[in-house]
N, C-alpha and C. Protein backbone atom coordinates (compact mmCIF):
# COMPACT_ATOMS: atom_id res chain seq x y z
N ALA A 1 -49.28 96.35 -1.17
CA ALA A 1 -49.41 95.32 -2.18
C ALA A 1 -48.66 95.71 -3.44
N ALA A 2 -48.68 96.98 -3.80
CA ALA A 2 -47.98 97.43 -5.00
C ALA A 2 -46.47 97.30 -4.83
N ALA A 3 -45.98 97.60 -3.63
CA ALA A 3 -44.55 97.47 -3.36
C ALA A 3 -44.12 96.02 -3.47
N LYS A 4 -44.94 95.10 -2.95
CA LYS A 4 -44.61 93.68 -3.05
C LYS A 4 -44.62 93.23 -4.49
N ALA A 5 -45.57 93.68 -5.27
CA ALA A 5 -45.65 93.32 -6.69
C ALA A 5 -44.40 93.79 -7.43
N ALA A 6 -43.91 94.96 -7.09
CA ALA A 6 -42.70 95.48 -7.71
C ALA A 6 -41.50 94.61 -7.38
N VAL A 7 -41.42 94.15 -6.13
CA VAL A 7 -40.33 93.28 -5.70
C VAL A 7 -40.41 91.95 -6.43
N VAL A 8 -41.59 91.39 -6.49
CA VAL A 8 -41.81 90.09 -7.13
C VAL A 8 -41.44 90.16 -8.61
N ALA A 9 -41.69 91.27 -9.26
CA ALA A 9 -41.42 91.41 -10.69
C ALA A 9 -39.92 91.43 -11.00
N VAL A 10 -39.10 91.80 -10.03
CA VAL A 10 -37.67 91.95 -10.26
C VAL A 10 -36.91 90.62 -10.16
N PHE A 11 -37.33 89.74 -9.27
CA PHE A 11 -36.57 88.53 -8.99
C PHE A 11 -37.17 87.29 -9.65
N LYS A 12 -36.39 86.23 -9.72
CA LYS A 12 -36.83 84.97 -10.31
C LYS A 12 -37.96 84.37 -9.49
N PRO A 13 -38.96 83.80 -10.16
CA PRO A 13 -40.12 83.24 -9.46
C PRO A 13 -39.75 82.18 -8.40
N ALA A 14 -38.75 81.36 -8.67
CA ALA A 14 -38.35 80.34 -7.70
C ALA A 14 -37.80 80.98 -6.43
N GLN A 15 -37.04 82.07 -6.58
CA GLN A 15 -36.50 82.77 -5.43
C GLN A 15 -37.62 83.42 -4.62
N VAL A 16 -38.56 84.01 -5.31
CA VAL A 16 -39.69 84.66 -4.64
C VAL A 16 -40.52 83.63 -3.89
N ALA A 17 -40.71 82.46 -4.49
CA ALA A 17 -41.47 81.40 -3.83
C ALA A 17 -40.79 80.94 -2.54
N LYS A 18 -39.45 80.82 -2.57
CA LYS A 18 -38.72 80.43 -1.36
C LYS A 18 -38.83 81.52 -0.29
N ALA A 19 -38.76 82.78 -0.73
CA ALA A 19 -38.89 83.90 0.21
C ALA A 19 -40.27 83.93 0.84
N GLU A 20 -41.31 83.72 0.03
CA GLU A 20 -42.68 83.72 0.56
C GLU A 20 -42.90 82.53 1.50
N GLU A 21 -42.28 81.40 1.20
CA GLU A 21 -42.39 80.24 2.09
C GLU A 21 -41.70 80.54 3.42
N LEU A 22 -40.54 81.19 3.38
CA LEU A 22 -39.83 81.57 4.60
C LEU A 22 -40.71 82.47 5.46
N ILE A 23 -41.37 83.42 4.84
CA ILE A 23 -42.25 84.34 5.56
C ILE A 23 -43.43 83.59 6.15
N ALA A 24 -44.07 82.75 5.35
CA ALA A 24 -45.25 82.00 5.80
C ALA A 24 -44.92 81.05 6.95
N ASP A 25 -43.72 80.49 6.94
CA ASP A 25 -43.30 79.56 7.99
C ASP A 25 -42.82 80.27 9.26
N GLY A 26 -42.75 81.60 9.22
CA GLY A 26 -42.27 82.36 10.37
C GLY A 26 -40.77 82.25 10.54
N GLY A 27 -40.07 81.97 9.45
CA GLY A 27 -38.63 81.79 9.49
C GLY A 27 -37.83 83.07 9.39
N ILE A 28 -38.49 84.20 9.37
CA ILE A 28 -37.82 85.49 9.34
C ILE A 28 -38.58 86.45 10.25
N VAL A 29 -37.86 87.07 11.17
CA VAL A 29 -38.50 87.97 12.13
C VAL A 29 -37.72 89.29 12.20
N PRO A 30 -38.44 90.40 12.34
CA PRO A 30 -37.76 91.69 12.44
C PRO A 30 -37.07 91.82 13.79
N ILE A 31 -35.87 92.37 13.78
CA ILE A 31 -35.18 92.63 15.05
C ILE A 31 -34.84 94.11 15.23
N ARG A 32 -34.88 94.88 14.13
CA ARG A 32 -34.62 96.32 14.22
C ARG A 32 -35.56 97.08 13.30
N ALA A 33 -36.69 97.46 13.83
CA ALA A 33 -37.63 98.37 13.15
C ALA A 33 -37.91 97.99 11.70
N ARG A 34 -38.12 96.71 11.43
CA ARG A 34 -38.44 96.22 10.09
C ARG A 34 -37.39 96.61 9.05
N ARG A 35 -36.16 96.78 9.50
CA ARG A 35 -35.05 97.05 8.59
C ARG A 35 -34.04 95.91 8.61
N VAL A 36 -33.85 95.31 9.78
CA VAL A 36 -32.93 94.19 9.95
C VAL A 36 -33.74 93.02 10.48
N PHE A 37 -33.48 91.83 9.92
CA PHE A 37 -34.25 90.64 10.27
C PHE A 37 -33.31 89.49 10.63
N ARG A 38 -33.82 88.54 11.39
CA ARG A 38 -33.11 87.29 11.63
C ARG A 38 -33.86 86.23 10.84
N ALA A 39 -33.13 85.54 9.96
CA ALA A 39 -33.72 84.52 9.09
C ALA A 39 -33.10 83.16 9.38
N VAL A 40 -33.91 82.14 9.27
CA VAL A 40 -33.47 80.77 9.51
C VAL A 40 -32.99 80.16 8.20
N SER A 41 -31.95 79.33 8.28
CA SER A 41 -31.45 78.64 7.09
C SER A 41 -32.46 77.61 6.61
N THR A 42 -32.28 77.14 5.41
CA THR A 42 -33.20 76.16 4.82
C THR A 42 -33.31 74.91 5.68
N ASP A 43 -32.18 74.44 6.24
CA ASP A 43 -32.22 73.23 7.05
C ASP A 43 -32.55 73.50 8.52
N GLY A 44 -32.70 74.77 8.88
CA GLY A 44 -33.07 75.13 10.24
C GLY A 44 -31.94 75.09 11.25
N ALA A 45 -30.72 74.83 10.80
CA ALA A 45 -29.59 74.68 11.71
C ALA A 45 -28.92 76.01 12.05
N ARG A 46 -29.09 77.03 11.21
CA ARG A 46 -28.41 78.31 11.42
C ARG A 46 -29.38 79.47 11.25
N THR A 47 -28.96 80.61 11.74
CA THR A 47 -29.71 81.84 11.50
C THR A 47 -28.76 82.88 10.92
N TYR A 48 -29.34 83.81 10.19
CA TYR A 48 -28.55 84.86 9.54
C TYR A 48 -29.18 86.21 9.81
N LEU A 49 -28.34 87.23 9.84
CA LEU A 49 -28.85 88.60 9.85
C LEU A 49 -29.03 89.01 8.41
N THR A 50 -30.18 89.57 8.12
CA THR A 50 -30.46 89.96 6.75
C THR A 50 -31.23 91.28 6.70
N ALA A 51 -31.07 91.96 5.60
CA ALA A 51 -31.78 93.22 5.33
C ALA A 51 -31.97 93.29 3.82
N LYS A 52 -32.59 94.37 3.35
CA LYS A 52 -32.81 94.51 1.91
C LYS A 52 -31.50 94.49 1.14
N ASN A 53 -30.45 95.02 1.72
CA ASN A 53 -29.19 95.20 0.99
C ASN A 53 -28.09 94.22 1.34
N SER A 54 -28.30 93.34 2.31
CA SER A 54 -27.24 92.40 2.67
C SER A 54 -27.78 91.23 3.47
N CYS A 55 -27.00 90.16 3.48
CA CYS A 55 -27.35 88.97 4.25
C CYS A 55 -26.05 88.27 4.61
N THR A 56 -26.01 87.64 5.78
CA THR A 56 -24.80 86.97 6.22
C THR A 56 -24.74 85.50 5.81
N CYS A 57 -25.71 85.01 5.03
CA CYS A 57 -25.62 83.63 4.52
C CYS A 57 -24.57 83.58 3.41
N ALA A 58 -24.14 82.39 3.04
CA ALA A 58 -23.10 82.24 2.01
C ALA A 58 -23.53 82.87 0.69
N ALA A 59 -24.76 82.61 0.26
CA ALA A 59 -25.24 83.20 -0.99
C ALA A 59 -25.37 84.70 -0.88
N GLY A 60 -25.79 85.18 0.29
CA GLY A 60 -25.94 86.61 0.50
C GLY A 60 -24.62 87.35 0.45
N LEU A 61 -23.56 86.71 0.94
CA LEU A 61 -22.24 87.34 0.91
C LEU A 61 -21.71 87.46 -0.52
N LYS A 62 -22.21 86.60 -1.41
CA LYS A 62 -21.78 86.62 -2.82
C LYS A 62 -22.78 87.35 -3.72
N SER A 63 -23.90 87.80 -3.16
CA SER A 63 -24.98 88.35 -3.99
C SER A 63 -24.60 89.66 -4.64
N ASN A 64 -25.34 89.96 -5.70
CA ASN A 64 -25.06 91.14 -6.50
C ASN A 64 -26.37 91.61 -7.13
N LEU A 65 -26.79 92.82 -6.84
CA LEU A 65 -28.03 93.34 -7.40
C LEU A 65 -27.93 93.63 -8.89
N VAL A 66 -26.73 93.87 -9.37
CA VAL A 66 -26.57 94.22 -10.78
C VAL A 66 -27.07 93.08 -11.67
N ASP A 67 -26.66 91.85 -11.37
CA ASP A 67 -27.13 90.73 -12.19
C ASP A 67 -28.23 89.94 -11.47
N GLN A 68 -28.81 90.53 -10.45
CA GLN A 68 -29.96 90.01 -9.72
C GLN A 68 -29.70 88.67 -9.04
N ARG A 69 -28.45 88.42 -8.65
CA ARG A 69 -28.15 87.25 -7.85
C ARG A 69 -28.32 87.66 -6.39
N VAL A 70 -29.45 87.36 -5.84
CA VAL A 70 -29.78 87.77 -4.48
C VAL A 70 -30.34 86.57 -3.75
N CYS A 71 -29.91 86.35 -2.50
CA CYS A 71 -30.43 85.22 -1.73
C CYS A 71 -31.90 85.46 -1.38
N PHE A 72 -32.60 84.38 -1.15
CA PHE A 72 -34.04 84.50 -0.85
C PHE A 72 -34.29 85.15 0.50
N HIS A 73 -33.31 85.15 1.40
CA HIS A 73 -33.47 85.85 2.68
C HIS A 73 -33.64 87.35 2.43
N ARG A 74 -32.81 87.89 1.53
CA ARG A 74 -32.90 89.32 1.20
C ARG A 74 -34.21 89.65 0.52
N ILE A 75 -34.70 88.75 -0.33
CA ILE A 75 -35.98 88.99 -0.98
C ILE A 75 -37.09 89.02 0.06
N ALA A 76 -37.04 88.08 1.02
CA ALA A 76 -38.04 88.06 2.10
C ALA A 76 -37.97 89.35 2.92
N ALA A 77 -36.76 89.80 3.23
CA ALA A 77 -36.59 91.05 3.98
C ALA A 77 -37.15 92.23 3.21
N THR A 78 -36.93 92.23 1.90
CA THR A 78 -37.45 93.31 1.06
C THR A 78 -38.97 93.33 1.05
N ILE A 79 -39.56 92.14 0.96
CA ILE A 79 -41.03 92.04 0.97
C ILE A 79 -41.57 92.53 2.31
N LEU A 80 -40.96 92.09 3.42
CA LEU A 80 -41.44 92.49 4.74
C LEU A 80 -41.24 93.98 5.00
N ALA A 81 -40.13 94.51 4.55
CA ALA A 81 -39.87 95.95 4.75
C ALA A 81 -40.85 96.80 3.96
N ALA A 82 -41.32 96.28 2.81
CA ALA A 82 -42.26 97.03 1.98
C ALA A 82 -43.68 96.98 2.52
N ALA A 83 -43.96 96.02 3.39
CA ALA A 83 -45.32 95.84 3.92
C ALA A 83 -45.72 96.93 4.89
């Protein structure tokens, strides 16, 4: 719980809400020892490989931890990896 709280404190609340919704809907599943996940797109048409440090979605390919532009798939992966 403390690890999740730390993750939540770093990112924008709207992003965290989308990540938590993705998790609750079962739209992200671990495929490699809770380090790599398969995540479903918002419209459900595509899937992406995602981890704490990268994601293959369009936003994930442009993301940057320095200015905290991170896709919600990565936030969901970070939350799940911390659990």
